[in-house]
Protein backbone atom coordinates (compact mmCIF):
# COMPACT_ATOMS: atom_id res chain seq x y z
CA MET A 1 -113.03 -151.00 -114.77
CA THR A 2 -113.21 -154.59 -113.55
CA PRO A 3 -114.01 -155.25 -109.88
CA ALA A 4 -110.33 -156.08 -109.31
CA ALA A 5 -109.22 -152.85 -110.97
CA GLU A 6 -111.57 -150.89 -108.75
CA ARG A 7 -109.75 -152.30 -105.72
CA ASP A 8 -106.15 -152.03 -106.93
CA PHE A 9 -104.42 -148.67 -107.22
CA GLU A 10 -100.90 -147.46 -107.54
CA VAL A 11 -101.60 -144.70 -105.00
CA VAL A 12 -104.32 -144.26 -102.40
CA VAL A 13 -104.67 -140.72 -101.05
CA ILE A 14 -106.48 -140.50 -97.71
CA GLY A 15 -108.36 -137.25 -97.17
CA ALA A 16 -110.06 -134.84 -99.57
CA GLY A 17 -109.09 -131.60 -97.89
CA PHE A 18 -106.52 -129.26 -99.39
CA SER A 19 -103.71 -131.74 -98.66
CA GLY A 20 -105.42 -134.56 -100.54
CA ILE A 21 -106.47 -132.23 -103.35
CA CYS A 22 -102.87 -131.08 -103.81
CA ALA A 23 -101.62 -134.67 -103.86
CA ALA A 24 -104.21 -135.59 -106.49
CA ILE A 25 -103.34 -132.61 -108.69
CA ARG A 26 -99.62 -133.31 -108.53
CA LEU A 27 -100.13 -137.03 -109.22
CA ARG A 28 -102.05 -136.21 -112.39
CA GLN A 29 -99.43 -133.68 -113.44
CA ALA A 30 -96.75 -136.35 -112.93
CA GLY A 31 -98.63 -138.68 -115.27
CA ILE A 32 -99.80 -140.99 -112.49
CA HIS A 33 -103.50 -141.66 -113.00
CA GLY A 34 -104.02 -144.95 -111.17
CA PHE A 35 -104.96 -143.38 -107.88
CA VAL A 36 -108.02 -142.75 -105.74
CA VAL A 37 -108.77 -140.10 -103.11
CA LEU A 38 -110.75 -141.42 -100.13
CA ASP A 39 -112.70 -139.36 -97.61
CA LYS A 40 -115.14 -140.44 -94.92
CA ALA A 41 -117.39 -137.43 -95.58
CA ASP A 42 -119.75 -136.99 -98.51
CA ASP A 43 -118.04 -133.83 -99.71
CA ILE A 44 -114.56 -132.39 -100.11
CA GLY A 45 -112.92 -129.53 -98.25
CA GLY A 46 -111.58 -130.95 -94.98
CA ILE A 47 -111.54 -128.37 -92.20
CA TRP A 48 -113.31 -125.85 -94.45
CA ARG A 49 -116.09 -128.34 -95.02
CA ASP A 50 -116.39 -129.22 -91.34
CA ASN A 51 -115.90 -125.80 -89.71
CA THR A 52 -118.98 -123.69 -90.44
CA TYR A 53 -119.36 -121.92 -87.09
CA PRO A 54 -120.33 -118.23 -87.03
CA GLY A 55 -117.41 -116.00 -87.97
CA VAL A 56 -115.17 -118.79 -89.32
CA GLY A 57 -112.30 -117.55 -91.47
CA VAL A 58 -108.54 -117.61 -91.99
CA ASP A 59 -105.99 -116.04 -89.65
CA ILE A 60 -103.47 -114.99 -92.28
CA PRO A 61 -103.98 -112.79 -95.37
CA ILE A 62 -105.57 -114.93 -98.03
CA TRP A 63 -102.86 -114.44 -100.67
CA GLY A 64 -100.62 -116.66 -98.53
CA TYR A 65 -103.37 -119.20 -97.92
CA CYS A 66 -103.79 -120.78 -101.36
CA PHE A 67 -101.87 -122.97 -103.77
CA SER A 68 -98.90 -121.35 -105.46
CA PHE A 69 -100.04 -122.82 -108.79
CA GLU A 70 -103.67 -121.67 -108.43
CA PRO A 71 -103.88 -118.01 -107.38
CA ASN A 72 -107.41 -116.74 -106.96
CA PRO A 73 -108.25 -113.19 -108.11
CA ASP A 74 -111.76 -113.32 -106.65
CA TRP A 75 -111.18 -113.29 -102.88
CA ARG A 76 -113.71 -110.91 -101.35
CA TYR A 77 -111.80 -110.20 -98.13
CA ALA A 78 -108.12 -109.96 -97.19
CA TYR A 79 -108.89 -112.58 -94.53
CA ALA A 80 -111.23 -114.91 -96.40
CA LYS A 81 -114.33 -116.41 -94.84
CA GLY A 82 -114.93 -120.13 -94.59
CA ASP A 83 -117.36 -120.35 -97.48
CA GLU A 84 -114.77 -118.77 -99.78
CA LEU A 85 -112.23 -121.47 -98.90
CA LYS A 86 -114.78 -124.22 -99.52
CA SER A 87 -115.61 -122.71 -102.94
CA TYR A 88 -111.90 -122.49 -103.73
CA ALA A 89 -111.49 -126.20 -102.94
CA ASP A 90 -114.38 -127.09 -105.28
CA ARG A 91 -112.86 -124.93 -108.00
CA CYS A 92 -109.49 -126.69 -107.73
CA VAL A 93 -111.06 -130.15 -107.79
CA ASP A 94 -113.01 -129.37 -110.96
CA LYS A 95 -110.33 -127.39 -112.78
CA TYR A 96 -107.62 -130.02 -112.33
CA GLY A 97 -109.75 -133.10 -113.05
CA VAL A 98 -109.66 -134.53 -109.54
CA ARG A 99 -113.36 -135.29 -109.14
CA PRO A 100 -113.34 -138.60 -111.11
CA HIS A 101 -110.69 -139.87 -108.66
CA LEU A 102 -112.80 -139.15 -105.56
CA ARG A 103 -114.40 -141.90 -103.53
CA LEU A 104 -116.45 -140.10 -100.89
CA GLY A 105 -118.21 -141.67 -97.93
CA ALA A 106 -115.32 -144.14 -97.75
CA GLU A 107 -113.88 -144.03 -94.24
CA VAL A 108 -110.47 -145.64 -93.85
CA THR A 109 -110.53 -147.95 -90.83
CA GLY A 110 -107.03 -149.39 -91.06
CA LEU A 111 -103.85 -149.92 -93.08
CA GLN A 112 -101.58 -152.96 -93.14
CA PHE A 113 -98.39 -153.35 -95.14
CA ASP A 114 -97.83 -156.65 -96.95
CA ASP A 115 -94.10 -157.42 -96.70
CA GLU A 116 -94.29 -160.18 -99.28
CA LEU A 117 -96.10 -158.23 -102.00
CA ASP A 118 -94.89 -154.72 -101.08
CA HIS A 119 -98.29 -153.09 -101.02
CA TRP A 120 -100.74 -151.63 -98.53
CA ASP A 121 -104.02 -153.34 -97.70
CA VAL A 122 -106.48 -150.53 -97.06
CA ARG A 123 -109.61 -151.26 -95.07
CA THR A 124 -112.50 -148.88 -95.75
CA SER A 125 -116.19 -148.65 -94.95
CA GLN A 126 -116.84 -149.43 -98.64
CA GLY A 127 -114.66 -152.51 -98.74
CA PRO A 128 -110.95 -153.38 -98.99
CA LEU A 129 -108.48 -151.77 -101.40
CA ARG A 130 -104.85 -152.41 -102.31
CA ALA A 131 -102.25 -149.77 -103.09
CA ARG A 132 -98.55 -149.75 -103.84
CA PHE A 133 -98.24 -146.33 -102.17
CA VAL A 134 -100.34 -144.45 -99.60
CA ILE A 135 -100.33 -140.70 -99.05
CA ASN A 136 -101.94 -139.96 -95.71
CA ALA A 137 -103.41 -136.47 -96.15
CA CYS A 138 -105.80 -136.49 -93.19
CA GLY A 139 -104.30 -133.31 -91.79
CA ALA A 140 -103.65 -132.40 -88.17
CA LEU A 141 -106.99 -130.78 -87.35
CA GLY A 142 -109.57 -133.38 -88.28
CA ARG A 143 -110.68 -135.03 -85.04
CA PRO A 144 -112.52 -132.70 -82.60
CA LYS A 145 -111.29 -132.82 -79.03
CA LEU A 146 -113.95 -133.15 -76.34
CA PRO A 147 -113.15 -131.89 -72.84
CA GLU A 148 -112.90 -134.53 -70.13
CA ILE A 149 -115.40 -132.96 -67.75
CA PRO A 150 -117.59 -135.10 -65.47
CA GLY A 151 -121.24 -134.94 -66.44
CA LEU A 152 -120.80 -133.61 -69.98
CA ASP A 153 -122.97 -136.43 -71.30
CA THR A 154 -125.77 -135.50 -68.89
CA PHE A 155 -126.26 -131.95 -70.18
CA ALA A 156 -129.87 -131.59 -71.33
CA GLY A 157 -129.40 -128.71 -73.77
CA ALA A 158 -127.66 -128.60 -77.11
CA VAL A 159 -123.93 -129.38 -77.09
CA ILE A 160 -122.08 -128.06 -80.15
CA HIS A 161 -118.41 -128.55 -80.98
CA SER A 162 -116.97 -125.73 -83.08
CA ALA A 163 -115.92 -128.23 -85.78
CA ARG A 164 -119.36 -129.86 -85.93
CA TRP A 165 -121.60 -126.81 -85.83
CA ASP A 166 -125.33 -127.40 -85.49
CA HIS A 167 -127.03 -124.59 -87.39
CA ALA A 168 -130.43 -125.72 -86.12
CA ALA A 169 -129.43 -125.03 -82.52
CA SER A 170 -130.42 -121.69 -81.03
CA LEU A 171 -127.97 -119.21 -79.53
CA ALA A 172 -130.78 -116.99 -78.29
CA GLY A 173 -130.88 -118.05 -74.65
CA ARG A 174 -128.12 -118.62 -72.09
CA VAL A 175 -125.03 -119.75 -73.98
CA GLY A 176 -121.82 -121.11 -72.53
CA VAL A 177 -118.56 -121.30 -74.46
CA ILE A 178 -115.78 -123.53 -73.17
CA GLY A 179 -112.40 -122.51 -74.54
CA THR A 180 -110.59 -119.35 -75.61
CA GLY A 181 -108.47 -120.60 -78.51
CA SER A 182 -108.48 -119.42 -82.10
CA SER A 183 -111.93 -120.85 -82.91
CA ALA A 184 -113.43 -119.38 -79.74
CA VAL A 185 -111.99 -115.96 -80.57
CA GLN A 186 -114.08 -116.01 -83.75
CA ILE A 187 -117.21 -117.57 -82.21
CA ILE A 188 -117.49 -115.50 -79.02
CA PRO A 189 -118.14 -112.08 -80.64
CA GLU A 190 -120.80 -113.63 -82.89
CA ALA A 191 -122.47 -115.49 -80.03
CA ALA A 192 -122.54 -112.35 -77.88
CA THR A 193 -124.75 -110.57 -80.42
CA ARG A 194 -127.31 -113.41 -80.37
CA ALA A 195 -127.35 -114.69 -76.81
CA GLU A 196 -129.47 -113.34 -73.99
CA ARG A 197 -126.51 -114.20 -71.73
CA LEU A 198 -123.09 -115.44 -72.79
CA THR A 199 -120.73 -117.06 -70.30
CA VAL A 200 -117.18 -117.73 -71.46
CA PHE A 201 -115.27 -120.36 -69.47
CA GLN A 202 -111.59 -119.47 -69.81
CA ARG A 203 -108.92 -121.94 -68.78
CA THR A 204 -106.01 -119.92 -70.18
CA PRO A 205 -106.05 -116.33 -71.50
CA ILE A 206 -104.84 -115.78 -75.06
CA TRP A 207 -102.88 -113.03 -76.75
CA VAL A 208 -105.02 -111.34 -79.43
CA ILE A 209 -103.78 -108.71 -81.86
CA PRO A 210 -105.91 -106.64 -84.27
CA LYS A 211 -106.93 -108.21 -87.57
CA PRO A 212 -106.19 -105.86 -90.50
CA ASP A 213 -109.08 -107.21 -92.55
CA PHE A 214 -110.80 -105.32 -95.34
CA PRO A 215 -113.01 -106.04 -98.36
CA ILE A 216 -110.93 -106.26 -101.53
CA PRO A 217 -112.17 -103.57 -103.93
CA LEU A 218 -113.92 -104.75 -107.07
CA PHE A 219 -111.52 -102.84 -109.32
CA LEU A 220 -108.57 -104.67 -107.73
CA ARG A 221 -110.21 -108.05 -108.25
CA ARG A 222 -110.83 -107.15 -111.88
CA LEU A 223 -107.21 -106.09 -112.26
CA PHE A 224 -106.03 -109.41 -110.80
CA ARG A 225 -108.24 -111.28 -113.27
CA LEU A 226 -106.89 -109.19 -116.14
CA VAL A 227 -103.22 -109.52 -115.08
CA PRO A 228 -102.93 -112.71 -112.96
CA GLY A 229 -99.20 -112.21 -112.52
CA LEU A 230 -99.90 -109.28 -110.21
CA LEU A 231 -101.15 -111.75 -107.59
CA ARG A 232 -97.52 -112.71 -106.97
CA VAL A 233 -96.96 -109.33 -105.30
CA PRO A 234 -99.37 -109.72 -102.35
CA ARG A 235 -98.46 -113.42 -102.10
CA TRP A 236 -94.75 -112.73 -101.63
CA ILE A 237 -95.48 -109.90 -99.21
CA VAL A 238 -97.60 -112.22 -97.06
CA LEU A 239 -95.08 -115.08 -97.23
CA ALA A 240 -92.25 -112.70 -96.26
CA TRP A 241 -94.31 -111.43 -93.30
CA LEU A 242 -95.06 -115.02 -92.19
CA GLU A 243 -91.39 -115.89 -92.48
CA LEU A 244 -90.34 -112.95 -90.33
CA LEU A 245 -93.04 -113.74 -87.78
CA TYR A 246 -92.31 -117.46 -87.64
CA ASN A 247 -88.54 -117.17 -87.42
CA GLY A 248 -88.38 -113.94 -85.46
CA VAL A 249 -90.95 -114.88 -82.83
CA PHE A 250 -91.30 -118.65 -82.73
CA ARG A 251 -87.90 -119.94 -83.75
CA PHE A 252 -85.45 -117.32 -82.51
CA LYS A 253 -87.69 -115.60 -79.93
CA ALA A 254 -86.39 -112.15 -80.91
CA PRO A 255 -87.12 -110.15 -77.72
CA SER A 256 -87.99 -106.93 -79.53
CA ALA A 257 -90.47 -108.65 -81.87
CA VAL A 258 -92.13 -110.63 -79.07
CA THR A 259 -92.37 -107.57 -76.84
CA ALA A 260 -93.78 -105.42 -79.65
CA LEU A 261 -96.55 -107.91 -80.39
CA GLU A 262 -97.37 -108.21 -76.68
CA TRP A 263 -97.65 -104.43 -76.40
CA ILE A 264 -99.95 -104.33 -79.42
CA ALA A 265 -102.19 -106.88 -77.72
CA ARG A 266 -102.04 -105.02 -74.37
CA LEU A 267 -102.90 -101.69 -75.96
CA THR A 268 -105.81 -103.32 -77.80
CA LEU A 269 -107.00 -104.79 -74.52
CA LEU A 270 -106.66 -101.43 -72.77
CA ALA A 271 -108.61 -99.63 -75.49
CA GLN A 272 -111.44 -102.17 -75.61
CA VAL A 273 -111.88 -103.21 -71.96
CA PRO A 274 -112.22 -100.29 -69.48
CA ASP A 275 -112.35 -102.46 -66.37
CA HIS A 276 -108.86 -103.01 -64.91
CA ALA A 277 -109.71 -106.20 -63.02
CA LEU A 278 -111.26 -107.73 -66.13
CA ARG A 279 -108.24 -106.78 -68.20
CA GLU A 280 -105.96 -108.56 -65.76
CA ARG A 281 -108.00 -111.75 -66.10
CA LEU A 282 -107.75 -111.53 -69.89
CA ARG A 283 -103.98 -110.91 -69.93
CA PRO A 284 -101.77 -113.99 -70.43
CA ARG A 285 -98.82 -114.73 -68.13
CA TYR A 286 -96.82 -116.46 -70.84
CA ARG A 287 -94.99 -114.88 -73.78
CA PHE A 288 -96.58 -114.17 -77.13
CA GLY A 289 -96.05 -117.12 -79.49
CA CYS A 290 -96.60 -119.97 -77.05
CA LYS A 291 -100.06 -120.51 -78.54
CA PHE A 292 -101.57 -120.19 -81.99
CA LEU A 293 -101.42 -116.75 -83.62
CA THR A 294 -104.83 -115.17 -83.00
CA LEU A 295 -106.28 -112.03 -84.53
CA SER A 296 -109.56 -110.24 -83.89
CA ASN A 297 -110.95 -106.72 -83.79
CA ARG A 298 -113.92 -107.74 -81.66
CA TYR A 299 -112.79 -110.36 -79.14
CA TYR A 300 -111.63 -108.18 -76.25
CA LYS A 301 -114.43 -105.64 -76.58
CA THR A 302 -116.99 -108.45 -76.35
CA PHE A 303 -116.19 -108.83 -72.66
CA ALA A 304 -117.19 -105.20 -72.04
CA ARG A 305 -120.76 -106.03 -73.06
CA ASP A 306 -123.42 -106.17 -70.35
CA ASN A 307 -124.59 -109.63 -71.41
CA VAL A 308 -121.16 -111.31 -71.31
CA ASP A 309 -119.50 -112.96 -68.30
CA LEU A 310 -115.92 -114.22 -68.10
CA VAL A 311 -115.37 -117.18 -65.78
CA SER A 312 -111.74 -118.04 -65.00
CA GLU A 313 -112.35 -120.67 -62.33
CA ASP A 314 -111.88 -124.29 -63.37
CA ILE A 315 -114.91 -126.31 -64.39
CA VAL A 316 -115.43 -129.23 -61.99
CA ALA A 317 -118.65 -130.70 -63.38
CA ILE A 318 -121.49 -130.28 -65.86
CA THR A 319 -125.09 -130.99 -64.92
CA ALA A 320 -128.28 -131.25 -66.92
CA THR A 321 -128.85 -127.51 -66.59
CA GLY A 322 -125.42 -125.95 -66.53
CA VAL A 323 -121.82 -125.78 -65.34
CA ILE A 324 -120.33 -125.98 -61.85
CA THR A 325 -116.98 -124.22 -61.27
CA SER A 326 -114.36 -124.66 -58.56
CA ASP A 327 -115.70 -121.70 -56.55
CA GLY A 328 -118.97 -123.58 -56.09
CA ARG A 329 -121.00 -121.42 -58.47
CA ARG A 330 -123.64 -123.02 -60.67
CA HIS A 331 -123.93 -121.37 -64.08
CA ARG A 332 -127.24 -121.97 -65.78
CA ILE A 333 -126.72 -122.76 -69.47
CA ASP A 334 -129.16 -123.59 -72.27
CA THR A 335 -126.67 -124.21 -75.08
CA LEU A 336 -123.07 -125.32 -74.60
CA VAL A 337 -120.42 -124.57 -77.24
CA LEU A 338 -117.21 -126.58 -77.06
CA ALA A 339 -114.42 -124.54 -78.65
CA THR A 340 -111.89 -127.06 -77.38
CA GLY A 341 -109.87 -127.64 -80.52
CA PHE A 342 -108.64 -130.89 -81.98
CA GLU A 343 -106.75 -134.01 -81.06
CA VAL A 344 -103.28 -133.51 -82.50
CA PHE A 345 -100.72 -135.71 -80.73
CA GLU A 346 -103.13 -137.91 -78.80
CA ARG A 347 -102.85 -141.67 -79.32
CA THR A 348 -106.30 -141.64 -80.96
CA SER A 349 -105.21 -139.12 -83.58
CA LEU A 350 -101.60 -139.96 -84.47
CA PRO A 351 -102.33 -142.12 -86.33
CA ARG A 352 -106.03 -141.49 -86.93
CA PHE A 353 -106.70 -145.21 -87.51
CA PRO A 354 -104.68 -148.42 -86.91
CA ILE A 355 -101.61 -148.62 -89.16
CA THR A 356 -99.56 -151.80 -89.18
CA GLY A 357 -96.28 -151.33 -90.98
CA SER A 358 -93.47 -153.61 -92.06
CA GLY A 359 -92.82 -156.57 -89.77
CA GLY A 360 -96.17 -156.10 -88.07
CA VAL A 361 -95.06 -152.92 -86.28
CA ASP A 362 -97.97 -150.81 -85.05
CA LEU A 363 -97.27 -147.19 -85.97
CA GLY A 364 -99.01 -145.81 -82.88
CA ASP A 365 -96.92 -148.03 -80.60
CA TYR A 366 -93.77 -147.11 -82.51
CA LEU A 367 -94.41 -143.38 -82.01
CA ASP A 368 -95.25 -143.95 -78.33
CA ARG A 369 -91.96 -145.77 -77.79
CA ASN A 370 -89.94 -143.30 -79.78
CA ARG A 371 -90.68 -139.67 -80.63
CA ASN A 372 -93.43 -138.15 -82.74
CA ALA A 373 -91.20 -137.51 -85.73
CA ALA A 374 -91.00 -138.19 -89.44
CA TYR A 375 -88.03 -137.80 -91.77
CA GLU A 376 -88.41 -134.36 -93.37
CA GLY A 377 -91.92 -134.46 -91.91
CA VAL A 378 -93.01 -137.13 -94.41
CA THR A 379 -91.79 -140.70 -93.75
CA VAL A 380 -91.20 -143.07 -90.81
CA PRO A 381 -89.13 -146.30 -90.91
CA PRO A 382 -91.92 -148.80 -90.08
CA CYS A 383 -94.04 -147.65 -93.05
CA PRO A 384 -92.53 -148.38 -96.46
CA ASN A 385 -94.34 -146.77 -99.40
CA GLY A 386 -96.18 -144.53 -96.94
CA PHE A 387 -96.08 -140.73 -96.86
CA LEU A 388 -97.52 -138.10 -94.53
CA VAL A 389 -98.76 -134.62 -95.32
CA HIS A 390 -98.55 -132.38 -92.24
CA GLY A 391 -96.42 -134.94 -90.50
CA PRO A 392 -94.30 -134.09 -87.44
CA TYR A 393 -91.71 -131.34 -88.12
CA SER A 394 -93.15 -130.31 -91.47
CA MET A 395 -94.98 -127.05 -90.69
CA THR A 396 -93.23 -123.74 -91.34
CA GLY A 397 -94.94 -120.37 -91.76
CA SER A 398 -97.50 -121.21 -94.45
CA PHE A 399 -100.10 -124.00 -94.36
CA PHE A 400 -100.17 -124.30 -98.15
CA VAL A 401 -96.39 -124.16 -98.60
CA THR A 402 -96.17 -127.01 -96.08
CA ILE A 403 -98.68 -129.05 -98.10
CA GLU A 404 -96.86 -128.48 -101.38
CA ASN A 405 -93.50 -129.37 -99.78
CA ALA A 406 -94.72 -132.70 -98.42
CA VAL A 407 -96.46 -133.66 -101.65
CA ALA A 408 -93.33 -132.81 -103.65
CA HIS A 409 -91.29 -135.05 -101.32
CA ALA A 410 -93.70 -137.96 -101.70
CA LEU A 411 -93.87 -137.57 -105.48
CA ARG A 412 -90.07 -137.58 -105.76
CA CYS A 413 -89.94 -140.88 -103.88
CA ILE A 414 -92.74 -142.44 -105.94
CA SER A 415 -91.29 -141.23 -109.25
CA GLU A 416 -87.83 -142.52 -108.35
CA ALA A 417 -89.28 -145.90 -107.38
CA ARG A 418 -91.04 -146.06 -110.73
CA ARG A 419 -87.84 -145.11 -112.58
CA ARG A 420 -85.86 -147.83 -110.82
CA GLY A 421 -88.59 -150.42 -111.11
CA ALA A 422 -88.66 -150.63 -107.31
CA THR A 423 -91.73 -151.88 -105.48
CA ARG A 424 -90.61 -150.68 -102.07
CA VAL A 425 -89.18 -147.38 -100.84
CA GLU A 426 -88.37 -146.79 -97.17
CA VAL A 427 -86.41 -144.25 -95.23
CA LYS A 428 -83.26 -145.58 -93.61
CA PRO A 429 -83.41 -145.70 -89.79
CA GLU A 430 -80.14 -143.80 -89.50
CA SER A 431 -81.45 -141.03 -91.79
CA HIS A 432 -84.60 -140.79 -89.70
CA ALA A 433 -82.63 -140.68 -86.43
CA ARG A 434 -80.29 -138.01 -87.79
CA PHE A 435 -83.21 -135.80 -88.78
CA ILE A 436 -84.86 -136.17 -85.35
CA GLU A 437 -81.65 -135.22 -83.55
CA GLU A 438 -81.29 -132.14 -85.75
CA MET A 439 -84.87 -131.00 -85.13
CA ILE A 440 -84.70 -131.52 -81.36
CA THR A 441 -81.40 -129.62 -81.15
CA ARG A 442 -82.77 -126.69 -83.15
CA GLN A 443 -86.07 -126.61 -81.31
CA ALA A 444 -84.33 -126.18 -77.94
CA THR A 445 -83.57 -122.54 -78.73
CA SER A 446 -87.13 -121.70 -79.75
CA ILE A 447 -89.67 -119.65 -77.83
CA PHE A 448 -91.50 -122.78 -76.76
CA TYR A 449 -88.86 -123.73 -74.18
CA ASN A 450 -87.84 -120.29 -73.00
CA SER A 451 -90.98 -118.23 -72.40
CA ASN A 452 -93.11 -119.82 -69.67
CA CYS A 453 -94.97 -121.72 -72.37
CA GLU A 454 -95.89 -124.42 -69.88
CA GLN A 455 -98.48 -121.98 -68.54
CA ALA A 456 -100.12 -121.72 -71.96
CA ARG A 457 -101.38 -125.34 -71.96
CA SER A 458 -100.76 -125.33 -75.69
CA PHE A 459 -101.60 -128.21 -78.00
CA TYR A 460 -98.19 -127.61 -79.58
CA PHE A 461 -96.56 -129.91 -76.99
CA ASP A 462 -96.74 -133.70 -77.21
CA GLN A 463 -96.34 -136.34 -74.49
CA PHE A 464 -92.54 -136.10 -74.71
CA GLY A 465 -92.54 -132.34 -74.17
CA ASP A 466 -91.49 -131.80 -77.79
CA VAL A 467 -93.11 -129.39 -80.26
CA PRO A 468 -93.26 -131.52 -83.43
CA LEU A 469 -96.04 -129.43 -84.95
CA PHE A 470 -93.46 -126.93 -86.22
CA ARG A 471 -90.26 -127.35 -88.19
CA PRO A 472 -87.39 -125.25 -86.78
CA SER A 473 -86.14 -123.96 -90.12
CA THR A 474 -86.80 -121.24 -92.62
CA SER A 475 -89.42 -121.85 -95.28
CA VAL A 476 -86.75 -121.54 -97.98
CA GLU A 477 -84.64 -124.25 -96.35
CA ALA A 478 -87.68 -126.49 -95.92
CA TRP A 479 -88.72 -125.93 -99.55
CA TRP A 480 -85.25 -126.89 -100.77
CA ARG A 481 -84.72 -129.90 -98.52
CA MET A 482 -88.16 -131.39 -99.15
CA ARG A 483 -87.38 -131.41 -102.88
CA ARG A 484 -83.61 -132.05 -102.86
CA PHE A 485 -83.18 -134.55 -100.02
CA PRO A 486 -80.48 -137.18 -100.70
CA LEU A 487 -82.04 -140.20 -102.37
CA ALA A 488 -79.40 -142.19 -100.50
CA ASP A 489 -81.43 -141.57 -97.35
CA TYR A 490 -83.92 -144.11 -98.74
CA THR A 491 -83.63 -147.69 -99.91
CA PHE A 492 -85.35 -148.62 -103.17
CA THR A 493 -85.90 -152.34 -103.58
CA SER A 494 -88.01 -154.65 -105.70
CA ARG A 495 -89.87 -157.93 -105.41
CA ALA A 496 -87.86 -159.24 -108.34
CA ASP A 497 -84.66 -158.80 -106.30
CA ARG A 498 -86.10 -160.86 -103.48
CA GLU A 499 -87.47 -163.55 -105.74
CA ARG A 500 -84.06 -163.84 -107.39
CA THR A 501 -81.80 -163.72 -104.32
CA GLY A 502 -84.12 -164.47 -101.44
CA GLU A 503 -83.65 -161.02 -99.97
CA TYR A 504 -84.01 -157.42 -101.00
CA GLN A 505 -81.05 -155.69 -102.59
CA GLU A 506 -80.77 -151.92 -102.62
CA ALA A 507 -81.30 -150.58 -106.12
CA SER A 508 -78.35 -148.81 -107.64
């Protein structure tokens, strides 16, 4: 390739996690080979590359947490561990010929759309690139969120964020864990077995139900390898369960389903924590579903250990030697673990880097002035030729189904532009506005606005009070609409039209 060819691509994919890997695979299958996959890290895998904390694993049965086109017969556990997901990502990259398209260690620092030439100028740490189309596959959980606590930078011991685990740090002394979200639920039981003293700083209790995990028998793995079609059975069972859970609990807040899950969590808490006062501090005051689905067989019982303390008072400051809480107590800590999640709808994360769209519109400013929303979860008006994976209102029950839906949507737009000879594809503002209105109307009946969810302090909510992380629809509807959306909701135009008439004309 010439130096110019190394800078010019038809498609730039940003992110080499599962979203970027799926986009790359589907591009190749569509016969589009002039693309590159960029990632700031030196390896692939996204969250399963970055999250290596003790106990890391998936929260849904693994048969629903993989690509539909690449079932894996070799999962060792029903709820796979982190290293299995990383190995699966490597396998997909190699099997589908993605590795030659990777450009690792290339951090994207900005995007700017060229209205005259209808392409994106992509600034990276390895130099500038140009692309007709950009698929932003950074994902929603890539930037760790640090708590805004006075004195955090003065702490003299090791400070470890769950997404940037330091395996050289010791958990043998006095360990403090800030946070009780899904990552903390996995970390806390592991830390308790290593620490001399573990102090958990809880801002908000979390509902936890048992995790029906088990090692997958060797004979069953061999059977799956021998008859791969059998893997469809557990996959469809898991997807059906996720669909019932998502729509029954989250979308339609079915009282019987919500109450049943709460009673399962309460009975688990009762069985594992004998102390009544401690149980009351661990019991949420909001309804099940307001926060991320969390499963564990060990979390509640960890607090019954002699070496574990639960602190519910707010943290007011951190010193060189520990944590000060609102009751005036000073908690001596040697190692501080921040299980504080990720930036999702913060201005620093959506978008992850500066994006200047058509007409010089800054995407971050546009979202701040309007709502965090994308047409079908994929496109926004200021960004022609730009597509999101895990954009606002794209997530249904399954992480991987969501990825495949968004990639299919983007590929349909790109393929149609190629067919028409168009150099520019952009969603119509009225189509975008119509989709937003539909999502907001549907979301109003969900559990998020009718179950004291404000007490959950959930990252689901953005600055507008919306819940754009989830799409209020069934997975079947989302699958259909992401692949069969009206092409009339977009305009397809070409540079040739403008050069001939002085303005863009919509392609017929």
